[in-house]
Amino acid sequence: MRAFLILLAIPVCAADWPQFGGPTGDFQVKPADLPLRWPEGGPRTLWRRELGDGYSSILVEAGALYTMYRRGEREVITSLSADDGHTLWEYTYDAPLPADFDRINAGIGPRATPLIASDMVFAVGAGGKMHALNRKTGEVVWKRDFTGDFNGKIRINGYAPSPIAWRDSVIVFPSAPNAAIAALRQSTGEVVWKKHSLLVSYATPLTIKVNGREQLVVHFSDEVTGINPESGELLWSHPHANDQQVNAANAVWREDGLLFLSSAYSGGSLMLRLVPDGSTTRVEEIWAQRLVRVHHSNPVRIGDIIYAATGDLGPCPLAATDMLTGRVLWRDRSLQRASLIAIGNQILILDEDGTLALATPGEKGLNVEGKAPVLHSNAWTPPTLVGKRVYLRDRRVIAALAFE
């Protein structure tokens, strides 16, 4: 039910931050200016307010924000004003969780980030309930239940892959027999295709082009795969297992065919090359190493270097890795288990303790231009950057800061 509603005359335009990972899904943004400047005294706080439990990222479109959180036994999909944070609309629904859900280590709030497409917001909760809402009003267009509709199985840490758009479909993971992954019609929720019985993990897929043809890079629990988004056909597969069957970090793609993958525990990192071979794709392993283990934060690429927090359940320093050789160039222990956005040659960093920093990486380490405590633990949600405004949240608070 909607708690309350404010109708807005919002123009239809390309969203500023429409999905997990931003405009291109890889946490890369074009800088508003070069370079972004850390203001004296730190970024100015425009507003901050309480928000419930959850890790969903913050989407931005036409002056409105979209995210999810949990309130008691219900999940909430909400739209807020980007200018002052007041609620524009919210939709709440009953959200029971599986009996074996891990309620202690990471909380019970939503993990996945919504998606803006076709003038709608698509959102999946921690227990696998999906809703398609009118973006302007919050009214339900259609809904799905992955456990009830597909006989899906939600893992102990909850549903986490964020939905992504492909043409007029939305790609989701019902985690069911012969429906590990599915494409649903954006307008109606009908199944376009459903495929495979692989064990679903927590990573969000990435859309890439190989020889001009689009593929989905999909990280399951024991392998990384290439999926045809039109049919769900498996195009290629390569092992990437670990002893917890947890692949949570996003893949990093470079247009010359290089694909970086990483996981924590016993997984480590891989660099693959995807090579067109007639109508198929051939996979070559360039290197593998276990020094870099990205847990649930996100790696980014600047040039030939991959930057990511590396570690399992202990310390997770920020590391720079040469993507051509796999050699670790340096580690910085001043920021722990951090989420990153690459802005030109700079990196915006939010660590799990709530410290926000702006830095330019160099050959021997980070040149930190400024940092300040802005949130509290667990600040595991990647920040959202639109122009010179950054939107961010921890498990209690959502805030907007400005670099002007």
Protein backbone atom coordinates (compact mmCIF):
# COMPACT_ATOMS: atom_id res chain seq x y z
CA MET A 1 0.00 0.00 0.00
CA ARG A 2 1.14 3.57 -0.55
CA ALA A 3 1.59 5.50 2.69
CA PHE A 4 1.14 8.78 0.88
CA LEU A 5 1.53 10.21 -2.57
CA ILE A 6 2.59 13.43 -4.22
CA LEU A 7 2.04 13.71 -7.96
CA LEU A 8 4.88 15.30 -9.90
CA ALA A 9 5.21 16.68 -13.40
CA ILE A 10 8.52 14.97 -14.10
CA PRO A 11 9.78 15.08 -17.68
CA VAL A 12 10.76 11.84 -19.35
CA CYS A 13 14.51 11.88 -19.88
CA ALA A 14 17.56 9.67 -19.52
CA ALA A 15 18.17 8.89 -15.87
CA ASP A 16 21.29 10.33 -14.26
CA TRP A 17 21.93 7.13 -12.27
CA PRO A 18 19.38 4.55 -13.51
CA GLN A 19 20.78 1.28 -12.19
CA PHE A 20 23.34 -0.44 -9.99
CA GLY A 21 26.74 0.85 -11.07
CA GLY A 22 25.47 4.07 -12.62
CA PRO A 23 24.86 5.02 -16.27
CA THR A 24 27.03 2.24 -17.72
CA GLY A 25 26.76 -0.25 -14.85
CA ASP A 26 30.51 -0.18 -14.09
CA PHE A 27 30.84 2.67 -11.56
CA GLN A 28 32.53 4.88 -14.17
CA VAL A 29 31.28 8.46 -14.58
CA LYS A 30 32.38 11.39 -16.67
CA PRO A 31 33.66 14.21 -14.45
CA ALA A 32 31.70 17.45 -14.34
CA ASP A 33 35.02 19.26 -14.11
CA LEU A 34 38.63 18.11 -14.18
CA PRO A 35 39.60 17.56 -11.50
CA LEU A 36 36.83 17.31 -8.90
CA ARG A 37 37.89 19.53 -6.00
CA TRP A 38 37.64 18.65 -2.31
CA PRO A 39 36.21 21.79 -0.68
CA GLU A 40 37.82 23.33 2.36
CA GLY A 41 36.02 21.77 5.30
CA GLY A 42 34.78 18.90 3.15
CA PRO A 43 31.70 18.52 0.94
CA ARG A 44 28.72 20.58 2.12
CA THR A 45 25.83 18.60 3.59
CA LEU A 46 22.65 19.53 1.72
CA TRP A 47 20.41 17.30 3.82
CA ARG A 48 20.31 14.08 5.78
CA ARG A 49 17.47 12.04 7.21
CA GLU A 50 16.68 8.70 8.81
CA LEU A 51 16.08 5.71 6.57
CA GLY A 52 15.45 2.08 7.45
CA ASP A 53 17.68 -0.97 7.16
CA GLY A 54 19.03 -1.94 3.75
CA TYR A 55 21.87 -1.74 1.24
CA SER A 56 20.07 -0.76 -1.97
CA SER A 57 21.93 1.94 -3.91
CA ILE A 58 20.33 5.31 -4.66
CA LEU A 59 19.02 5.98 -8.18
CA VAL A 60 18.60 9.51 -9.57
CA GLU A 61 16.31 10.78 -12.30
CA ALA A 62 14.85 14.23 -12.98
CA GLY A 63 15.25 15.53 -9.44
CA ALA A 64 13.97 12.38 -7.73
CA LEU A 65 15.82 9.64 -5.83
CA TYR A 66 14.77 5.99 -5.61
CA THR A 67 15.88 3.29 -3.18
CA MET A 68 14.58 0.56 -0.83
CA TYR A 69 14.65 -0.17 2.89
CA ARG A 70 12.95 -2.28 5.55
CA ARG A 71 10.51 -1.06 8.18
CA GLY A 72 9.57 -3.75 10.69
CA GLU A 73 8.14 -6.73 8.82
CA ARG A 74 7.63 -4.76 5.60
CA GLU A 75 9.87 -3.59 2.79
CA VAL A 76 9.58 -0.10 1.35
CA ILE A 77 10.25 1.16 -2.16
CA THR A 78 10.53 4.93 -1.98
CA SER A 79 11.09 8.08 -4.01
CA LEU A 80 12.63 11.14 -2.35
CA SER A 81 13.28 14.70 -3.45
CA ALA A 82 16.90 15.12 -4.51
CA ASP A 83 16.82 18.74 -3.29
CA ASP A 84 15.78 18.24 0.33
CA GLY A 85 15.17 14.52 0.91
CA HIS A 86 11.44 14.71 1.65
CA THR A 87 9.37 11.69 0.65
CA LEU A 88 7.59 11.99 -2.70
CA TRP A 89 5.95 8.57 -2.48
CA GLU A 90 6.51 5.19 -0.92
CA TYR A 91 5.10 1.73 -1.47
CA THR A 92 5.21 -0.85 1.33
CA TYR A 93 4.48 -4.57 1.27
CA ASP A 94 4.68 -7.57 3.58
CA ALA A 95 8.13 -9.12 3.27
CA PRO A 96 8.52 -12.41 5.15
CA LEU A 97 12.03 -13.87 5.04
CA PRO A 98 13.11 -17.52 4.84
CA ALA A 99 13.65 -19.28 8.17
CA ASP A 100 17.37 -19.72 7.49
CA PHE A 101 17.91 -16.04 6.52
CA ASP A 102 21.02 -14.58 8.20
CA ARG A 103 19.47 -11.89 10.40
CA ILE A 104 22.61 -11.17 12.43
CA ASN A 105 25.65 -10.40 10.29
CA ALA A 106 24.24 -7.97 7.71
CA GLY A 107 20.71 -7.15 8.83
CA ILE A 108 17.43 -7.93 7.09
CA GLY A 109 17.04 -4.99 4.70
CA PRO A 110 16.96 -5.21 0.89
CA ARG A 111 20.26 -5.91 -0.85
CA ALA A 112 19.43 -5.35 -4.52
CA THR A 113 19.29 -1.93 -6.16
CA PRO A 114 16.16 -0.96 -8.13
CA LEU A 115 16.17 -0.19 -11.86
CA ILE A 116 14.67 2.75 -13.76
CA ALA A 117 13.39 1.83 -17.23
CA SER A 118 10.27 2.44 -19.35
CA ASP A 119 9.08 5.15 -16.94
CA MET A 120 8.92 2.50 -14.23
CA VAL A 121 10.92 1.43 -11.19
CA PHE A 122 11.66 -2.29 -10.88
CA ALA A 123 12.66 -3.47 -7.40
CA VAL A 124 13.39 -6.87 -5.83
CA GLY A 125 13.40 -7.35 -2.06
CA ALA A 126 15.61 -9.53 0.12
CA GLY A 127 13.04 -12.35 0.08
CA GLY A 128 12.58 -12.35 -3.71
CA LYS A 129 9.40 -10.29 -4.06
CA MET A 130 9.54 -8.09 -7.18
CA HIS A 131 7.45 -5.03 -7.99
CA ALA A 132 7.17 -2.85 -11.09
CA LEU A 133 5.93 0.59 -10.05
CA ASN A 134 4.99 3.73 -11.95
CA ARG A 135 8.00 5.99 -11.43
CA LYS A 136 5.96 9.15 -10.94
CA THR A 137 3.23 7.84 -8.65
CA GLY A 138 4.48 4.66 -6.99
CA GLU A 139 1.43 2.73 -8.19
CA VAL A 140 1.90 -1.00 -8.84
CA VAL A 141 1.95 -2.00 -12.52
CA TRP A 142 2.71 -5.68 -11.86
CA LYS A 143 4.45 -7.88 -9.30
CA ARG A 144 6.17 -11.26 -9.07
CA ASP A 145 7.23 -13.58 -6.25
CA PHE A 146 10.30 -15.62 -7.15
CA THR A 147 9.61 -18.28 -4.52
CA GLY A 148 5.87 -18.58 -5.23
CA ASP A 149 5.82 -18.02 -9.01
CA PHE A 150 9.00 -19.90 -9.94
CA ASN A 151 9.66 -22.17 -6.93
CA GLY A 152 12.88 -20.24 -6.37
CA LYS A 153 15.22 -20.69 -3.41
CA ILE A 154 16.52 -17.61 -1.59
CA ARG A 155 19.97 -18.10 -0.10
CA ILE A 156 20.92 -17.38 3.49
CA ASN A 157 22.14 -13.84 2.76
CA GLY A 158 19.04 -12.89 0.82
CA TYR A 159 18.34 -11.94 -2.78
CA ALA A 160 21.03 -9.52 -4.00
CA PRO A 161 21.47 -9.36 -7.81
CA SER A 162 20.07 -6.06 -9.06
CA PRO A 163 17.70 -6.13 -12.05
CA ILE A 164 19.07 -4.76 -15.32
CA ALA A 165 17.31 -3.70 -18.51
CA TRP A 166 17.77 -5.22 -21.94
CA ARG A 167 15.57 -3.78 -24.70
CA ASP A 168 11.98 -4.23 -23.47
CA SER A 169 12.91 -6.88 -20.89
CA VAL A 170 14.23 -6.81 -17.34
CA ILE A 171 16.78 -9.48 -16.37
CA VAL A 172 16.29 -11.09 -12.94
CA PHE A 173 17.31 -14.24 -11.05
CA PRO A 174 14.41 -16.36 -9.76
CA SER A 175 16.99 -18.90 -8.56
CA ALA A 176 14.76 -21.81 -9.50
CA PRO A 177 15.19 -25.09 -11.41
CA ASN A 178 15.40 -24.24 -15.13
CA ALA A 179 14.91 -20.59 -14.14
CA ALA A 180 18.11 -19.53 -12.45
CA ILE A 181 17.93 -16.47 -14.70
CA ALA A 182 14.93 -15.02 -16.51
CA ALA A 183 13.88 -12.15 -18.74
CA LEU A 184 10.52 -10.57 -17.91
CA ARG A 185 8.56 -8.21 -20.15
CA GLN A 186 8.91 -4.71 -18.67
CA SER A 187 5.34 -3.74 -19.44
CA THR A 188 3.57 -6.83 -18.08
CA GLY A 189 5.98 -9.04 -16.11
CA GLU A 190 5.33 -12.00 -18.43
CA VAL A 191 8.21 -14.43 -18.91
CA VAL A 192 10.11 -13.84 -22.15
CA TRP A 193 12.53 -16.66 -21.38
CA LYS A 194 13.87 -18.56 -18.36
CA LYS A 195 16.93 -20.77 -18.37
CA HIS A 196 19.46 -22.88 -16.47
CA SER A 197 19.66 -24.52 -13.06
CA LEU A 198 22.95 -23.03 -11.90
CA LEU A 199 23.30 -21.85 -8.29
CA VAL A 200 22.64 -18.12 -8.17
CA SER A 201 25.09 -15.99 -6.22
CA TYR A 202 24.91 -12.28 -5.30
CA ALA A 203 26.62 -10.37 -8.13
CA THR A 204 24.74 -8.12 -10.57
CA PRO A 205 25.25 -8.97 -14.27
CA LEU A 206 27.02 -6.64 -16.67
CA THR A 207 26.10 -5.98 -20.30
CA ILE A 208 29.07 -6.06 -22.70
CA LYS A 209 29.66 -6.26 -26.44
CA VAL A 210 31.89 -8.92 -28.00
CA ASN A 211 32.52 -8.37 -31.70
CA GLY A 212 29.54 -6.01 -31.75
CA ARG A 213 27.11 -8.50 -30.19
CA GLU A 214 25.67 -7.94 -26.73
CA GLN A 215 26.21 -10.47 -23.95
CA LEU A 216 25.40 -10.62 -20.27
CA VAL A 217 28.34 -11.42 -18.02
CA VAL A 218 26.64 -13.41 -15.27
CA HIS A 219 28.48 -14.56 -12.15
CA PHE A 220 26.90 -17.68 -10.68
CA SER A 221 28.26 -19.34 -7.54
CA ASP A 222 30.86 -21.59 -9.16
CA GLU A 223 31.41 -20.09 -12.60
CA VAL A 224 31.21 -16.94 -14.68
CA THR A 225 29.17 -17.16 -17.85
CA GLY A 226 28.24 -15.34 -20.99
CA ILE A 227 24.48 -15.32 -21.63
CA ASN A 228 22.62 -14.27 -24.77
CA PRO A 229 20.17 -11.62 -23.44
CA GLU A 230 17.73 -12.30 -26.27
CA SER A 231 17.25 -16.00 -25.57
CA GLY A 232 19.07 -16.90 -22.34
CA GLU A 233 21.37 -19.23 -24.30
CA LEU A 234 24.67 -20.05 -22.59
CA LEU A 235 27.44 -18.65 -24.81
CA TRP A 236 30.44 -19.59 -22.68
CA SER A 237 31.39 -20.59 -19.15
CA HIS A 238 34.58 -20.48 -17.09
CA PRO A 239 35.16 -21.82 -13.56
CA HIS A 240 35.37 -19.27 -10.74
CA ALA A 241 34.57 -21.08 -7.51
CA ASN A 242 35.34 -20.51 -3.84
CA ASP A 243 34.65 -22.51 -0.71
CA GLN A 244 31.64 -20.35 0.29
CA GLN A 245 30.04 -20.27 -3.18
CA VAL A 246 29.87 -16.47 -2.87
CA ASN A 247 30.60 -14.39 -5.96
CA ALA A 248 29.36 -10.91 -5.06
CA ALA A 249 31.69 -8.37 -6.72
CA ASN A 250 30.86 -6.90 -10.12
CA ALA A 251 32.94 -7.83 -13.14
CA VAL A 252 35.14 -5.21 -14.83
CA TRP A 253 35.17 -5.15 -18.64
CA ARG A 254 37.51 -3.47 -21.09
CA GLU A 255 36.45 -3.15 -24.72
CA ASP A 256 39.51 -5.00 -26.05
CA GLY A 257 38.12 -8.22 -24.56
CA LEU A 258 39.66 -8.25 -21.08
CA LEU A 259 37.35 -9.28 -18.23
CA PHE A 260 38.39 -9.01 -14.56
CA LEU A 261 36.68 -11.14 -11.90
CA SER A 262 37.28 -11.45 -8.19
CA SER A 263 35.83 -13.15 -5.12
CA ALA A 264 36.73 -13.51 -1.47
CA TYR A 265 37.47 -16.63 0.56
CA SER A 266 39.45 -19.10 -1.57
CA GLY A 267 38.47 -17.54 -4.89
CA GLY A 268 40.94 -14.78 -5.71
CA SER A 269 41.07 -12.93 -9.03
CA LEU A 270 41.05 -13.86 -12.70
CA MET A 271 41.74 -12.00 -15.90
CA LEU A 272 40.03 -13.51 -18.91
CA ARG A 273 40.11 -12.57 -22.56
CA LEU A 274 36.94 -13.08 -24.58
CA VAL A 275 37.84 -13.85 -28.18
CA PRO A 276 35.24 -13.93 -31.00
CA ASP A 277 35.41 -17.28 -32.79
CA GLY A 278 32.93 -17.32 -35.64
CA SER A 279 29.47 -17.33 -34.05
CA THR A 280 30.87 -18.33 -30.65
CA THR A 281 33.14 -16.80 -28.00
CA ARG A 282 36.36 -18.41 -26.87
CA VAL A 283 37.63 -17.78 -23.32
CA GLU A 284 41.34 -17.48 -22.54
CA GLU A 285 42.66 -17.21 -18.99
CA ILE A 286 45.40 -14.55 -18.92
CA TRP A 287 46.31 -14.83 -15.24
CA ALA A 288 44.97 -15.91 -11.86
CA GLN A 289 46.08 -14.93 -8.35
CA ARG A 290 44.74 -15.03 -4.79
CA LEU A 291 46.34 -11.88 -3.38
CA VAL A 292 43.36 -9.77 -4.46
CA ARG A 293 40.03 -11.04 -3.09
CA VAL A 294 37.12 -8.65 -3.54
CA HIS A 295 34.35 -9.56 -1.10
CA HIS A 296 31.13 -7.53 -1.58
CA SER A 297 32.52 -4.12 -2.52
CA ASN A 298 33.10 -3.03 -6.10
CA PRO A 299 36.28 -2.87 -8.21
CA VAL A 300 36.79 -0.09 -10.78
CA ARG A 301 39.24 0.40 -13.64
CA ILE A 302 41.30 3.44 -14.61
CA GLY A 303 43.50 2.72 -17.63
CA ASP A 304 45.34 -0.56 -17.05
CA ILE A 305 44.85 -0.58 -13.27
CA ILE A 306 42.10 -2.22 -11.22
CA TYR A 307 41.34 -0.60 -7.84
CA ALA A 308 39.45 -2.54 -5.19
CA ALA A 309 39.25 -3.28 -1.48
CA THR A 310 40.78 -6.71 -0.99
CA GLY A 311 40.20 -9.15 1.84
CA ASP A 312 37.76 -11.57 3.38
CA LEU A 313 36.31 -11.00 6.86
CA GLY A 314 39.38 -9.22 8.26
CA PRO A 315 41.19 -6.07 7.10
CA CYS A 316 40.38 -5.03 3.53
CA PRO A 317 42.91 -2.44 2.33
CA LEU A 318 42.52 -0.70 -1.01
CA ALA A 319 44.78 -2.29 -3.62
CA ALA A 320 45.95 -1.39 -7.11
CA THR A 321 46.41 -4.33 -9.50
CA ASP A 322 47.96 -4.28 -12.97
CA MET A 323 45.24 -5.81 -15.10
CA LEU A 324 47.73 -7.02 -17.73
CA THR A 325 49.93 -9.01 -15.33
CA GLY A 326 47.97 -9.47 -12.10
CA ARG A 327 50.77 -7.85 -10.11
CA VAL A 328 49.69 -5.91 -7.00
CA LEU A 329 51.28 -2.47 -7.29
CA TRP A 330 50.40 -1.14 -3.82
CA ARG A 331 48.00 -1.34 -0.89
CA ASP A 332 46.56 1.53 1.16
CA ARG A 333 45.41 0.58 4.66
CA SER A 334 43.96 3.97 5.63
CA LEU A 335 40.55 3.12 4.09
CA GLN A 336 38.93 -0.24 4.80
CA ARG A 337 36.44 -2.27 2.74
CA ALA A 338 35.54 0.64 0.50
CA SER A 339 33.08 1.20 -2.33
CA LEU A 340 34.44 3.17 -5.29
CA ILE A 341 33.44 5.40 -8.19
CA ALA A 342 35.97 6.20 -10.91
CA ILE A 343 35.71 9.84 -12.07
CA GLY A 344 38.20 10.39 -14.86
CA ASN A 345 41.56 9.82 -13.14
CA GLN A 346 40.12 10.27 -9.65
CA ILE A 347 38.35 7.90 -7.29
CA LEU A 348 35.52 8.74 -4.92
CA ILE A 349 35.76 6.37 -1.95
CA LEU A 350 33.30 5.45 0.80
CA ASP A 351 34.62 2.99 3.37
CA GLU A 352 32.49 0.80 5.60
CA ASP A 353 32.98 3.08 8.63
CA GLY A 354 31.37 5.96 6.73
CA THR A 355 34.48 7.90 5.72
CA LEU A 356 34.17 9.64 2.35
CA ALA A 357 37.38 10.44 0.48
CA LEU A 358 38.48 11.84 -2.86
CA ALA A 359 41.82 10.61 -4.18
CA THR A 360 43.99 10.39 -7.26
CA PRO A 361 45.87 7.10 -7.48
CA GLY A 362 49.55 7.24 -8.35
CA GLU A 363 52.30 4.75 -9.08
CA LYS A 364 53.07 4.18 -5.40
CA GLY A 365 49.74 4.80 -3.70
CA LEU A 366 46.79 7.10 -3.19
CA ASN A 367 47.13 10.86 -3.23
CA VAL A 368 44.23 11.71 -0.94
CA GLU A 369 42.83 15.18 -1.63
CA GLY A 370 40.50 15.06 1.36
CA LYS A 371 38.45 12.79 3.56
CA ALA A 372 35.79 13.22 6.21
CA PRO A 373 33.46 11.06 8.34
CA VAL A 374 29.96 11.44 6.87
CA LEU A 375 28.16 8.19 7.85
CA HIS A 376 28.42 5.31 10.29
CA SER A 377 28.91 1.54 10.00
CA ASN A 378 27.79 -0.41 8.06
CA ALA A 379 28.24 1.93 5.10
CA TRP A 380 28.30 -0.86 2.52
CA THR A 381 26.16 0.84 -0.12
CA PRO A 382 28.17 2.33 -3.01
CA PRO A 383 27.76 6.12 -3.32
CA THR A 384 25.89 7.74 -6.20
CA LEU A 385 27.49 10.71 -7.98
CA VAL A 386 25.55 13.04 -10.28
CA GLY A 387 27.45 16.14 -11.35
CA LYS A 388 28.97 17.48 -8.15
CA ARG A 389 26.40 15.96 -5.81
CA VAL A 390 26.93 12.67 -4.01
CA TYR A 391 24.08 10.67 -2.47
CA LEU A 392 24.94 8.02 0.07
CA ARG A 393 23.52 5.91 2.88
CA ASP A 394 24.39 3.58 5.72
CA ARG A 395 21.95 1.33 7.59
CA ARG A 396 20.30 4.24 9.35
CA VAL A 397 20.78 7.46 7.38
CA ILE A 398 20.57 8.75 3.80
CA ALA A 399 22.33 12.01 2.90
CA ALA A 400 23.14 14.38 0.05
CA LEU A 401 26.46 16.25 -0.12
CA ALA A 402 27.79 18.81 -2.59
CA PHE A 403 31.29 19.45 -3.91
CA GLU A 404 30.45 23.01 -5.10
